[in-house]
Amino acid sequence: IQKKQGLHHPYVPIILVGIFAYLVAHCF
């Protein structure tokens, strides 16, 4: 995500992906 140009708040999609990763790992 940091390589993409024109992002205002790149940490927001990273946080959302982290939440999804936790849910997936929790299920397994």
mmCIF file of all heavy atoms, coordinates in Angstrom:
data_MODEL
# 
_entry.id   MODEL 
# 
loop_
_atom_site.group_PDB 
_atom_site.id 
_atom_site.type_symbol 
_atom_site.label_atom_id 
_atom_site.label_alt_id 
_atom_site.label_comp_id 
_atom_site.label_asym_id 
_atom_site.label_entity_id 
_atom_site.label_seq_id 
_atom_site.pdbx_PDB_ins_code 
_atom_site.Cartn_x 
_atom_site.Cartn_y 
_atom_site.Cartn_z 
_atom_site.occupancy 
_atom_site.B_iso_or_equiv 
_atom_site.pdbx_formal_charge 
_atom_site.auth_seq_id 
_atom_site.auth_comp_id 
_atom_site.auth_asym_id 
_atom_site.auth_atom_id 
_atom_site.pdbx_PDB_model_num 
ATOM 1   N N   . ILE A 1 1  ? 0.826   -1.212  0.000  1.00 0.00 ? 1  ILE A N   1 
ATOM 2   C CA  . ILE A 1 1  ? 0.000   0.000   0.000  1.00 0.00 ? 1  ILE A CA  1 
ATOM 3   C C   . ILE A 1 1  ? 0.856   1.255   0.000  1.00 0.00 ? 1  ILE A C   1 
ATOM 4   O O   . ILE A 1 1  ? 0.485   2.273   -0.606 1.00 0.00 ? 1  ILE A O   1 
ATOM 5   C CB  . ILE A 1 1  ? -0.959  -0.038  1.207  1.00 0.00 ? 1  ILE A CB  1 
ATOM 6   C CG1 . ILE A 1 1  ? -1.955  -1.183  1.021  1.00 0.00 ? 1  ILE A CG1 1 
ATOM 7   C CG2 . ILE A 1 1  ? -1.697  1.282   1.368  1.00 0.00 ? 1  ILE A CG2 1 
ATOM 8   C CD1 . ILE A 1 1  ? -2.902  -1.372  2.173  1.00 0.00 ? 1  ILE A CD1 1 
ATOM 9   N N   . GLN A 1 2  ? 2.017   1.226   0.660  1.00 0.00 ? 2  GLN A N   1 
ATOM 10  C CA  . GLN A 1 2  ? 2.851   2.427   0.704  1.00 0.00 ? 2  GLN A CA  1 
ATOM 11  C C   . GLN A 1 2  ? 3.388   2.803   -0.677 1.00 0.00 ? 2  GLN A C   1 
ATOM 12  O O   . GLN A 1 2  ? 3.760   3.960   -0.913 1.00 0.00 ? 2  GLN A O   1 
ATOM 13  C CB  . GLN A 1 2  ? 4.024   2.211   1.670  1.00 0.00 ? 2  GLN A CB  1 
ATOM 14  C CG  . GLN A 1 2  ? 3.629   2.138   3.127  1.00 0.00 ? 2  GLN A CG  1 
ATOM 15  C CD  . GLN A 1 2  ? 3.222   3.477   3.699  1.00 0.00 ? 2  GLN A CD  1 
ATOM 16  O OE1 . GLN A 1 2  ? 3.351   4.506   3.047  1.00 0.00 ? 2  GLN A OE1 1 
ATOM 17  N NE2 . GLN A 1 2  ? 2.696   3.470   4.906  1.00 0.00 ? 2  GLN A NE2 1 
ATOM 18  N N   . LYS A 1 3  ? 3.441   1.819   -1.593 1.00 0.00 ? 3  LYS A N   1 
ATOM 19  C CA  . LYS A 1 3  ? 3.953   2.121   -2.937 1.00 0.00 ? 3  LYS A CA  1 
ATOM 20  C C   . LYS A 1 3  ? 2.931   2.849   -3.793 1.00 0.00 ? 3  LYS A C   1 
ATOM 21  O O   . LYS A 1 3  ? 3.294   3.419   -4.825 1.00 0.00 ? 3  LYS A O   1 
ATOM 22  C CB  . LYS A 1 3  ? 4.375   0.818   -3.627 1.00 0.00 ? 3  LYS A CB  1 
ATOM 23  C CG  . LYS A 1 3  ? 5.562   0.127   -2.967 1.00 0.00 ? 3  LYS A CG  1 
ATOM 24  C CD  . LYS A 1 3  ? 5.912   -1.161  -3.684 1.00 0.00 ? 3  LYS A CD  1 
ATOM 25  C CE  . LYS A 1 3  ? 7.090   -1.861  -3.029 1.00 0.00 ? 3  LYS A CE  1 
ATOM 26  N NZ  . LYS A 1 3  ? 7.438   -3.130  -3.716 1.00 0.00 ? 3  LYS A NZ  1 
ATOM 27  N N   . LYS A 1 4  ? 1.662   2.806   -3.405 1.00 0.00 ? 4  LYS A N   1 
ATOM 28  C CA  . LYS A 1 4  ? 0.635   3.469   -4.210 1.00 0.00 ? 4  LYS A CA  1 
ATOM 29  C C   . LYS A 1 4  ? 0.712   4.972   -4.008 1.00 0.00 ? 4  LYS A C   1 
ATOM 30  O O   . LYS A 1 4  ? 0.945   5.472   -2.904 1.00 0.00 ? 4  LYS A O   1 
ATOM 31  C CB  . LYS A 1 4  ? -0.757  2.951   -3.838 1.00 0.00 ? 4  LYS A CB  1 
ATOM 32  C CG  . LYS A 1 4  ? -0.935  1.456   -4.107 1.00 0.00 ? 4  LYS A CG  1 
ATOM 33  C CD  . LYS A 1 4  ? -2.357  1.015   -3.889 1.00 0.00 ? 4  LYS A CD  1 
ATOM 34  C CE  . LYS A 1 4  ? -3.267  1.555   -4.983 1.00 0.00 ? 4  LYS A CE  1 
ATOM 35  N NZ  . LYS A 1 4  ? -2.985  0.952   -6.305 1.00 0.00 ? 4  LYS A NZ  1 
ATOM 36  N N   . GLN A 1 5  ? 0.480   5.690   -5.066 1.00 0.00 ? 5  GLN A N   1 
ATOM 37  C CA  . GLN A 1 5  ? 0.556   7.140   -5.047 1.00 0.00 ? 5  GLN A CA  1 
ATOM 38  C C   . GLN A 1 5  ? -0.829  7.753   -4.790 1.00 0.00 ? 5  GLN A C   1 
ATOM 39  O O   . GLN A 1 5  ? -1.851  7.207   -5.189 1.00 0.00 ? 5  GLN A O   1 
ATOM 40  C CB  . GLN A 1 5  ? 1.111   7.674   -6.387 1.00 0.00 ? 5  GLN A CB  1 
ATOM 41  C CG  . GLN A 1 5  ? 2.489   7.144   -6.735 1.00 0.00 ? 5  GLN A CG  1 
ATOM 42  C CD  . GLN A 1 5  ? 3.547   7.643   -5.774 1.00 0.00 ? 5  GLN A CD  1 
ATOM 43  O OE1 . GLN A 1 5  ? 3.448   8.746   -5.227 1.00 0.00 ? 5  GLN A OE1 1 
ATOM 44  N NE2 . GLN A 1 5  ? 4.570   6.819   -5.575 1.00 0.00 ? 5  GLN A NE2 1 
ATOM 45  N N   . GLY A 1 6  ? -0.831  8.886   -4.121 1.00 0.00 ? 6  GLY A N   1 
ATOM 46  C CA  . GLY A 1 6  ? -2.070  9.638   -3.938 1.00 0.00 ? 6  GLY A CA  1 
ATOM 47  C C   . GLY A 1 6  ? -2.921  9.192   -2.770 1.00 0.00 ? 6  GLY A C   1 
ATOM 48  O O   . GLY A 1 6  ? -4.091  9.606   -2.671 1.00 0.00 ? 6  GLY A O   1 
ATOM 49  N N   . LEU A 1 7  ? -2.411  8.378   -1.869 1.00 0.00 ? 7  LEU A N   1 
ATOM 50  C CA  . LEU A 1 7  ? -3.194  7.945   -0.712 1.00 0.00 ? 7  LEU A CA  1 
ATOM 51  C C   . LEU A 1 7  ? -3.101  8.992   0.396  1.00 0.00 ? 7  LEU A C   1 
ATOM 52  O O   . LEU A 1 7  ? -2.032  9.532   0.682  1.00 0.00 ? 7  LEU A O   1 
ATOM 53  C CB  . LEU A 1 7  ? -2.689  6.606   -0.187 1.00 0.00 ? 7  LEU A CB  1 
ATOM 54  C CG  . LEU A 1 7  ? -2.862  5.397   -1.117 1.00 0.00 ? 7  LEU A CG  1 
ATOM 55  C CD1 . LEU A 1 7  ? -2.327  4.141   -0.450 1.00 0.00 ? 7  LEU A CD1 1 
ATOM 56  C CD2 . LEU A 1 7  ? -4.318  5.213   -1.498 1.00 0.00 ? 7  LEU A CD2 1 
ATOM 57  N N   . HIS A 1 8  ? -4.250  9.250   1.034  1.00 0.00 ? 8  HIS A N   1 
ATOM 58  C CA  . HIS A 1 8  ? -4.293  10.218  2.122  1.00 0.00 ? 8  HIS A CA  1 
ATOM 59  C C   . HIS A 1 8  ? -4.001  9.573   3.476  1.00 0.00 ? 8  HIS A C   1 
ATOM 60  O O   . HIS A 1 8  ? -3.258  10.124  4.291  1.00 0.00 ? 8  HIS A O   1 
ATOM 61  C CB  . HIS A 1 8  ? -5.661  10.898  2.176  1.00 0.00 ? 8  HIS A CB  1 
ATOM 62  C CG  . HIS A 1 8  ? -6.051  11.578  0.898  1.00 0.00 ? 8  HIS A CG  1 
ATOM 63  N ND1 . HIS A 1 8  ? -6.732  10.924  -0.121 1.00 0.00 ? 8  HIS A ND1 1 
ATOM 64  C CD2 . HIS A 1 8  ? -5.854  12.842  0.449  1.00 0.00 ? 8  HIS A CD2 1 
ATOM 65  C CE1 . HIS A 1 8  ? -6.937  11.757  -1.124 1.00 0.00 ? 8  HIS A CE1 1 
ATOM 66  N NE2 . HIS A 1 8  ? -6.424  12.938  -0.799 1.00 0.00 ? 8  HIS A NE2 1 
ATOM 67  N N   . HIS A 1 9  ? -4.590  8.420   3.715  1.00 0.00 ? 9  HIS A N   1 
ATOM 68  C CA  . HIS A 1 9  ? -4.451  7.741   5.009  1.00 0.00 ? 9  HIS A CA  1 
ATOM 69  C C   . HIS A 1 9  ? -4.169  6.255   4.753  1.00 0.00 ? 9  HIS A C   1 
ATOM 70  O O   . HIS A 1 9  ? -5.077  5.419   4.840  1.00 0.00 ? 9  HIS A O   1 
ATOM 71  C CB  . HIS A 1 9  ? -5.722  7.904   5.847  1.00 0.00 ? 9  HIS A CB  1 
ATOM 72  C CG  . HIS A 1 9  ? -6.172  9.329   5.983  1.00 0.00 ? 9  HIS A CG  1 
ATOM 73  N ND1 . HIS A 1 9  ? -5.552  10.228  6.830  1.00 0.00 ? 9  HIS A ND1 1 
ATOM 74  C CD2 . HIS A 1 9  ? -7.173  10.014  5.363  1.00 0.00 ? 9  HIS A CD2 1 
ATOM 75  C CE1 . HIS A 1 9  ? -6.156  11.400  6.725  1.00 0.00 ? 9  HIS A CE1 1 
ATOM 76  N NE2 . HIS A 1 9  ? -7.140  11.297  5.857  1.00 0.00 ? 9  HIS A NE2 1 
ATOM 77  N N   . PRO A 1 10 ? -2.935  5.892   4.436  1.00 0.00 ? 10 PRO A N   1 
ATOM 78  C CA  . PRO A 1 10 ? -2.638  4.496   4.079  1.00 0.00 ? 10 PRO A CA  1 
ATOM 79  C C   . PRO A 1 10 ? -2.788  3.527   5.253  1.00 0.00 ? 10 PRO A C   1 
ATOM 80  O O   . PRO A 1 10 ? -2.911  2.318   5.036  1.00 0.00 ? 10 PRO A O   1 
ATOM 81  C CB  . PRO A 1 10 ? -1.183  4.554   3.601  1.00 0.00 ? 10 PRO A CB  1 
ATOM 82  C CG  . PRO A 1 10 ? -0.621  5.791   4.228  1.00 0.00 ? 10 PRO A CG  1 
ATOM 83  C CD  . PRO A 1 10 ? -1.746  6.759   4.317  1.00 0.00 ? 10 PRO A CD  1 
ATOM 84  N N   . TYR A 1 11 ? -2.779  4.039   6.484  1.00 0.00 ? 11 TYR A N   1 
ATOM 85  C CA  . TYR A 1 11 ? -2.885  3.130   7.624  1.00 0.00 ? 11 TYR A CA  1 
ATOM 86  C C   . TYR A 1 11 ? -4.289  2.554   7.787  1.00 0.00 ? 11 TYR A C   1 
ATOM 87  O O   . TYR A 1 11 ? -4.457  1.500   8.420  1.00 0.00 ? 11 TYR A O   1 
ATOM 88  C CB  . TYR A 1 11 ? -2.480  3.854   8.910  1.00 0.00 ? 11 TYR A CB  1 
ATOM 89  C CG  . TYR A 1 11 ? -3.336  5.038   9.257  1.00 0.00 ? 11 TYR A CG  1 
ATOM 90  C CD1 . TYR A 1 11 ? -4.480  4.891   10.029 1.00 0.00 ? 11 TYR A CD1 1 
ATOM 91  C CD2 . TYR A 1 11 ? -3.003  6.319   8.816  1.00 0.00 ? 11 TYR A CD2 1 
ATOM 92  C CE1 . TYR A 1 11 ? -5.279  5.975   10.347 1.00 0.00 ? 11 TYR A CE1 1 
ATOM 93  C CE2 . TYR A 1 11 ? -3.789  7.407   9.124  1.00 0.00 ? 11 TYR A CE2 1 
ATOM 94  C CZ  . TYR A 1 11 ? -4.927  7.236   9.891  1.00 0.00 ? 11 TYR A CZ  1 
ATOM 95  O OH  . TYR A 1 11 ? -5.712  8.308   10.194 1.00 0.00 ? 11 TYR A OH  1 
ATOM 96  N N   . VAL A 1 12 ? -5.316  3.228   7.239  1.00 0.00 ? 12 VAL A N   1 
ATOM 97  C CA  . VAL A 1 12 ? -6.689  2.739   7.404  1.00 0.00 ? 12 VAL A CA  1 
ATOM 98  C C   . VAL A 1 12 ? -6.893  1.385   6.713  1.00 0.00 ? 12 VAL A C   1 
ATOM 99  O O   . VAL A 1 12 ? -7.377  0.432   7.338  1.00 0.00 ? 12 VAL A O   1 
ATOM 100 C CB  . VAL A 1 12 ? -7.699  3.789   6.895  1.00 0.00 ? 12 VAL A CB  1 
ATOM 101 C CG1 . VAL A 1 12 ? -9.125  3.213   6.935  1.00 0.00 ? 12 VAL A CG1 1 
ATOM 102 C CG2 . VAL A 1 12 ? -7.623  5.042   7.746  1.00 0.00 ? 12 VAL A CG2 1 
ATOM 103 N N   . PRO A 1 13 ? -6.545  1.233   5.417  1.00 0.00 ? 13 PRO A N   1 
ATOM 104 C CA  . PRO A 1 13 ? -6.691  -0.104  4.816  1.00 0.00 ? 13 PRO A CA  1 
ATOM 105 C C   . PRO A 1 13 ? -5.811  -1.148  5.482  1.00 0.00 ? 13 PRO A C   1 
ATOM 106 O O   . PRO A 1 13 ? -6.198  -2.321  5.559  1.00 0.00 ? 13 PRO A O   1 
ATOM 107 C CB  . PRO A 1 13 ? -6.295  0.111   3.350  1.00 0.00 ? 13 PRO A CB  1 
ATOM 108 C CG  . PRO A 1 13 ? -5.560  1.393   3.305  1.00 0.00 ? 13 PRO A CG  1 
ATOM 109 C CD  . PRO A 1 13 ? -6.111  2.220   4.404  1.00 0.00 ? 13 PRO A CD  1 
ATOM 110 N N   . ILE A 1 14 ? -4.652  -0.749  6.007  1.00 0.00 ? 14 ILE A N   1 
ATOM 111 C CA  . ILE A 1 14 ? -3.790  -1.722  6.700  1.00 0.00 ? 14 ILE A CA  1 
ATOM 112 C C   . ILE A 1 14 ? -4.477  -2.215  7.969  1.00 0.00 ? 14 ILE A C   1 
ATOM 113 O O   . ILE A 1 14 ? -4.443  -3.409  8.293  1.00 0.00 ? 14 ILE A O   1 
ATOM 114 C CB  . ILE A 1 14 ? -2.421  -1.088  7.008  1.00 0.00 ? 14 ILE A CB  1 
ATOM 115 C CG1 . ILE A 1 14 ? -1.674  -0.774  5.703  1.00 0.00 ? 14 ILE A CG1 1 
ATOM 116 C CG2 . ILE A 1 14 ? -1.586  -2.009  7.884  1.00 0.00 ? 14 ILE A CG2 1 
ATOM 117 C CD1 . ILE A 1 14 ? -0.360  -0.060  5.914  1.00 0.00 ? 14 ILE A CD1 1 
ATOM 118 N N   . ILE A 1 15 ? -5.116  -1.304  8.703  1.00 0.00 ? 15 ILE A N   1 
ATOM 119 C CA  . ILE A 1 15 ? -5.833  -1.710  9.926  1.00 0.00 ? 15 ILE A CA  1 
ATOM 120 C C   . ILE A 1 15 ? -6.994  -2.641  9.588  1.00 0.00 ? 15 ILE A C   1 
ATOM 121 O O   . ILE A 1 15 ? -7.221  -3.660  10.264 1.00 0.00 ? 15 ILE A O   1 
ATOM 122 C CB  . ILE A 1 15 ? -6.327  -0.460  10.683 1.00 0.00 ? 15 ILE A CB  1 
ATOM 123 C CG1 . ILE A 1 15 ? -5.138  0.324   11.240 1.00 0.00 ? 15 ILE A CG1 1 
ATOM 124 C CG2 . ILE A 1 15 ? -7.286  -0.850  11.802 1.00 0.00 ? 15 ILE A CG2 1 
ATOM 125 C CD1 . ILE A 1 15 ? -5.524  1.622   11.904 1.00 0.00 ? 15 ILE A CD1 1 
ATOM 126 N N   . LEU A 1 16 ? -7.732  -2.326  8.530  1.00 0.00 ? 16 LEU A N   1 
ATOM 127 C CA  . LEU A 1 16 ? -8.849  -3.185  8.131  1.00 0.00 ? 16 LEU A CA  1 
ATOM 128 C C   . LEU A 1 16 ? -8.360  -4.582  7.731  1.00 0.00 ? 16 LEU A C   1 
ATOM 129 O O   . LEU A 1 16 ? -8.972  -5.591  8.093  1.00 0.00 ? 16 LEU A O   1 
ATOM 130 C CB  . LEU A 1 16 ? -9.617  -2.533  6.976  1.00 0.00 ? 16 LEU A CB  1 
ATOM 131 C CG  . LEU A 1 16 ? -10.377 -1.237  7.305  1.00 0.00 ? 16 LEU A CG  1 
ATOM 132 C CD1 . LEU A 1 16 ? -11.041 -0.690  6.056  1.00 0.00 ? 16 LEU A CD1 1 
ATOM 133 C CD2 . LEU A 1 16 ? -11.422 -1.493  8.382  1.00 0.00 ? 16 LEU A CD2 1 
ATOM 134 N N   . VAL A 1 17 ? -7.258  -4.625  7.010  1.00 0.00 ? 17 VAL A N   1 
ATOM 135 C CA  . VAL A 1 17 ? -6.698  -5.914  6.619  1.00 0.00 ? 17 VAL A CA  1 
ATOM 136 C C   . VAL A 1 17 ? -6.212  -6.684  7.849  1.00 0.00 ? 17 VAL A C   1 
ATOM 137 O O   . VAL A 1 17 ? -6.381  -7.905  7.944  1.00 0.00 ? 17 VAL A O   1 
ATOM 138 C CB  . VAL A 1 17 ? -5.550  -5.713  5.612  1.00 0.00 ? 17 VAL A CB  1 
ATOM 139 C CG1 . VAL A 1 17 ? -4.772  -7.002  5.410  1.00 0.00 ? 17 VAL A CG1 1 
ATOM 140 C CG2 . VAL A 1 17 ? -6.101  -5.232  4.281  1.00 0.00 ? 17 VAL A CG2 1 
ATOM 141 N N   . GLY A 1 18 ? -5.624  -5.977  8.819  1.00 0.00 ? 18 GLY A N   1 
ATOM 142 C CA  . GLY A 1 18 ? -5.195  -6.633  10.051 1.00 0.00 ? 18 GLY A CA  1 
ATOM 143 C C   . GLY A 1 18 ? -6.356  -7.235  10.822 1.00 0.00 ? 18 GLY A C   1 
ATOM 144 O O   . GLY A 1 18 ? -6.253  -8.344  11.363 1.00 0.00 ? 18 GLY A O   1 
ATOM 145 N N   . ILE A 1 19 ? -7.486  -6.524  10.862 1.00 0.00 ? 19 ILE A N   1 
ATOM 146 C CA  . ILE A 1 19 ? -8.676  -7.060  11.533 1.00 0.00 ? 19 ILE A CA  1 
ATOM 147 C C   . ILE A 1 19 ? -9.177  -8.313  10.816 1.00 0.00 ? 19 ILE A C   1 
ATOM 148 O O   . ILE A 1 19 ? -9.517  -9.324  11.450 1.00 0.00 ? 19 ILE A O   1 
ATOM 149 C CB  . ILE A 1 19 ? -9.777  -5.982  11.595 1.00 0.00 ? 19 ILE A CB  1 
ATOM 150 C CG1 . ILE A 1 19 ? -9.330  -4.829  12.496 1.00 0.00 ? 19 ILE A CG1 1 
ATOM 151 C CG2 . ILE A 1 19 ? -11.090 -6.575  12.097 1.00 0.00 ? 19 ILE A CG2 1 
ATOM 152 C CD1 . ILE A 1 19 ? -10.285 -3.655  12.502 1.00 0.00 ? 19 ILE A CD1 1 
ATOM 153 N N   . PHE A 1 20 ? -9.210  -8.265  9.496  1.00 0.00 ? 20 PHE A N   1 
ATOM 154 C CA  . PHE A 1 20 ? -9.646  -9.441  8.734  1.00 0.00 ? 20 PHE A CA  1 
ATOM 155 C C   . PHE A 1 20 ? -8.682  -10.608 8.948  1.00 0.00 ? 20 PHE A C   1 
ATOM 156 O O   . PHE A 1 20 ? -9.118  -11.763 9.103  1.00 0.00 ? 20 PHE A O   1 
ATOM 157 C CB  . PHE A 1 20 ? -9.734  -9.093  7.252  1.00 0.00 ? 20 PHE A CB  1 
ATOM 158 C CG  . PHE A 1 20 ? -10.140 -10.254 6.382  1.00 0.00 ? 20 PHE A CG  1 
ATOM 159 C CD1 . PHE A 1 20 ? -11.471 -10.604 6.246  1.00 0.00 ? 20 PHE A CD1 1 
ATOM 160 C CD2 . PHE A 1 20 ? -9.180  -10.997 5.702  1.00 0.00 ? 20 PHE A CD2 1 
ATOM 161 C CE1 . PHE A 1 20 ? -11.848 -11.679 5.458  1.00 0.00 ? 20 PHE A CE1 1 
ATOM 162 C CE2 . PHE A 1 20 ? -9.544  -12.064 4.905  1.00 0.00 ? 20 PHE A CE2 1 
ATOM 163 C CZ  . PHE A 1 20 ? -10.888 -12.399 4.781  1.00 0.00 ? 20 PHE A CZ  1 
ATOM 164 N N   . ALA A 1 21 ? -7.374  -10.320 8.966  1.00 0.00 ? 21 ALA A N   1 
ATOM 165 C CA  . ALA A 1 21 ? -6.385  -11.387 9.174  1.00 0.00 ? 21 ALA A CA  1 
ATOM 166 C C   . ALA A 1 21 ? -6.576  -12.029 10.545 1.00 0.00 ? 21 ALA A C   1 
ATOM 167 O O   . ALA A 1 21 ? -6.459  -13.255 10.689 1.00 0.00 ? 21 ALA A O   1 
ATOM 168 C CB  . ALA A 1 21 ? -4.970  -10.826 9.045  1.00 0.00 ? 21 ALA A CB  1 
ATOM 169 N N   . TYR A 1 22 ? -6.891  -11.219 11.552 1.00 0.00 ? 22 TYR A N   1 
ATOM 170 C CA  . TYR A 1 22 ? -7.123  -11.786 12.881 1.00 0.00 ? 22 TYR A CA  1 
ATOM 171 C C   . TYR A 1 22 ? -8.355  -12.685 12.887 1.00 0.00 ? 22 TYR A C   1 
ATOM 172 O O   . TYR A 1 22 ? -8.341  -13.764 13.501 1.00 0.00 ? 22 TYR A O   1 
ATOM 173 C CB  . TYR A 1 22 ? -7.292  -10.669 13.905 1.00 0.00 ? 22 TYR A CB  1 
ATOM 174 C CG  . TYR A 1 22 ? -7.667  -11.188 15.276 1.00 0.00 ? 22 TYR A CG  1 
ATOM 175 C CD1 . TYR A 1 22 ? -6.700  -11.716 16.119 1.00 0.00 ? 22 TYR A CD1 1 
ATOM 176 C CD2 . TYR A 1 22 ? -8.989  -11.171 15.712 1.00 0.00 ? 22 TYR A CD2 1 
ATOM 177 C CE1 . TYR A 1 22 ? -7.033  -12.209 17.367 1.00 0.00 ? 22 TYR A CE1 1 
ATOM 178 C CE2 . TYR A 1 22 ? -9.335  -11.667 16.957 1.00 0.00 ? 22 TYR A CE2 1 
ATOM 179 C CZ  . TYR A 1 22 ? -8.350  -12.178 17.781 1.00 0.00 ? 22 TYR A CZ  1 
ATOM 180 O OH  . TYR A 1 22 ? -8.702  -12.674 19.006 1.00 0.00 ? 22 TYR A OH  1 
ATOM 181 N N   . LEU A 1 23 ? -9.427  -12.264 12.211 1.00 0.00 ? 23 LEU A N   1 
ATOM 182 C CA  . LEU A 1 23 ? -10.636 -13.081 12.168 1.00 0.00 ? 23 LEU A CA  1 
ATOM 183 C C   . LEU A 1 23 ? -10.378 -14.414 11.465 1.00 0.00 ? 23 LEU A C   1 
ATOM 184 O O   . LEU A 1 23 ? -10.837 -15.472 11.920 1.00 0.00 ? 23 LEU A O   1 
ATOM 185 C CB  . LEU A 1 23 ? -11.764 -12.314 11.462 1.00 0.00 ? 23 LEU A CB  1 
ATOM 186 C CG  . LEU A 1 23 ? -12.299 -11.080 12.189 1.00 0.00 ? 23 LEU A CG  1 
ATOM 187 C CD1 . LEU A 1 23 ? -13.340 -10.369 11.342 1.00 0.00 ? 23 LEU A CD1 1 
ATOM 188 C CD2 . LEU A 1 23 ? -12.886 -11.458 13.541 1.00 0.00 ? 23 LEU A CD2 1 
ATOM 189 N N   . VAL A 1 24 ? -9.629  -14.370 10.365 1.00 0.00 ? 24 VAL A N   1 
ATOM 190 C CA  . VAL A 1 24 ? -9.315  -15.605 9.649  1.00 0.00 ? 24 VAL A CA  1 
ATOM 191 C C   . VAL A 1 24 ? -8.464  -16.529 10.516 1.00 0.00 ? 24 VAL A C   1 
ATOM 192 O O   . VAL A 1 24 ? -8.737  -17.730 10.653 1.00 0.00 ? 24 VAL A O   1 
ATOM 193 C CB  . VAL A 1 24 ? -8.593  -15.289 8.325  1.00 0.00 ? 24 VAL A CB  1 
ATOM 194 C CG1 . VAL A 1 24 ? -8.094  -16.560 7.663  1.00 0.00 ? 24 VAL A CG1 1 
ATOM 195 C CG2 . VAL A 1 24 ? -9.535  -14.553 7.373  1.00 0.00 ? 24 VAL A CG2 1 
ATOM 196 N N   . ALA A 1 25 ? -7.407  -15.961 11.129 1.00 0.00 ? 25 ALA A N   1 
ATOM 197 C CA  . ALA A 1 25 ? -6.545  -16.773 11.992 1.00 0.00 ? 25 ALA A CA  1 
ATOM 198 C C   . ALA A 1 25 ? -7.321  -17.319 13.187 1.00 0.00 ? 25 ALA A C   1 
ATOM 199 O O   . ALA A 1 25 ? -7.105  -18.465 13.608 1.00 0.00 ? 25 ALA A O   1 
ATOM 200 C CB  . ALA A 1 25 ? -5.351  -15.937 12.466 1.00 0.00 ? 25 ALA A CB  1 
ATOM 201 N N   . HIS A 1 26 ? -8.234  -16.514 13.735 1.00 0.00 ? 26 HIS A N   1 
ATOM 202 C CA  . HIS A 1 26 ? -9.027  -16.965 14.878 1.00 0.00 ? 26 HIS A CA  1 
ATOM 203 C C   . HIS A 1 26 ? -9.909  -18.158 14.496 1.00 0.00 ? 26 HIS A C   1 
ATOM 204 O O   . HIS A 1 26 ? -10.053 -19.109 15.289 1.00 0.00 ? 26 HIS A O   1 
ATOM 205 C CB  . HIS A 1 26 ? -9.885  -15.818 15.395 1.00 0.00 ? 26 HIS A CB  1 
ATOM 206 C CG  . HIS A 1 26 ? -10.770 -16.194 16.545 1.00 0.00 ? 26 HIS A CG  1 
ATOM 207 N ND1 . HIS A 1 26 ? -10.278 -16.437 17.805 1.00 0.00 ? 26 HIS A ND1 1 
ATOM 208 C CD2 . HIS A 1 26 ? -12.120 -16.389 16.619 1.00 0.00 ? 26 HIS A CD2 1 
ATOM 209 C CE1 . HIS A 1 26 ? -11.276 -16.760 18.616 1.00 0.00 ? 26 HIS A CE1 1 
ATOM 210 N NE2 . HIS A 1 26 ? -12.399 -16.743 17.914 1.00 0.00 ? 26 HIS A NE2 1 
ATOM 211 N N   . CYS A 1 27 ? -10.496 -18.112 13.307 1.00 0.00 ? 27 CYS A N   1 
ATOM 212 C CA  . CYS A 1 27 ? -11.328 -19.238 12.865 1.00 0.00 ? 27 CYS A CA  1 
ATOM 213 C C   . CYS A 1 27 ? -10.511 -20.517 12.771 1.00 0.00 ? 27 CYS A C   1 
ATOM 214 O O   . CYS A 1 27 ? -10.927 -21.583 13.242 1.00 0.00 ? 27 CYS A O   1 
ATOM 215 C CB  . CYS A 1 27 ? -11.972 -18.910 11.518 1.00 0.00 ? 27 CYS A CB  1 
ATOM 216 S SG  . CYS A 1 27 ? -13.254 -17.630 11.599 1.00 0.00 ? 27 CYS A SG  1 
ATOM 217 N N   . PHE A 1 28 ? -9.319  -20.436 12.173 1.00 0.00 ? 28 PHE A N   1 
ATOM 218 C CA  . PHE A 1 28 ? -8.469  -21.622 12.038 1.00 0.00 ? 28 PHE A CA  1 
ATOM 219 C C   . PHE A 1 28 ? -7.996  -22.114 13.404 1.00 0.00 ? 28 PHE A C   1 
ATOM 220 O O   . PHE A 1 28 ? -8.031  -23.318 13.682 1.00 0.00 ? 28 PHE A O   1 
ATOM 221 C CB  . PHE A 1 28 ? -7.266  -21.319 11.147 1.00 0.00 ? 28 PHE A CB  1 
ATOM 222 C CG  . PHE A 1 28 ? -7.583  -21.290 9.677  1.00 0.00 ? 28 PHE A CG  1 
ATOM 223 C CD1 . PHE A 1 28 ? -7.611  -20.104 8.965  1.00 0.00 ? 28 PHE A CD1 1 
ATOM 224 C CD2 . PHE A 1 28 ? -7.862  -22.457 9.006  1.00 0.00 ? 28 PHE A CD2 1 
ATOM 225 C CE1 . PHE A 1 28 ? -7.912  -20.077 7.619  1.00 0.00 ? 28 PHE A CE1 1 
ATOM 226 C CE2 . PHE A 1 28 ? -8.159  -22.444 7.652  1.00 0.00 ? 28 PHE A CE2 1 
ATOM 227 C CZ  . PHE A 1 28 ? -8.184  -21.250 6.959  1.00 0.00 ? 28 PHE A CZ  1 
# 
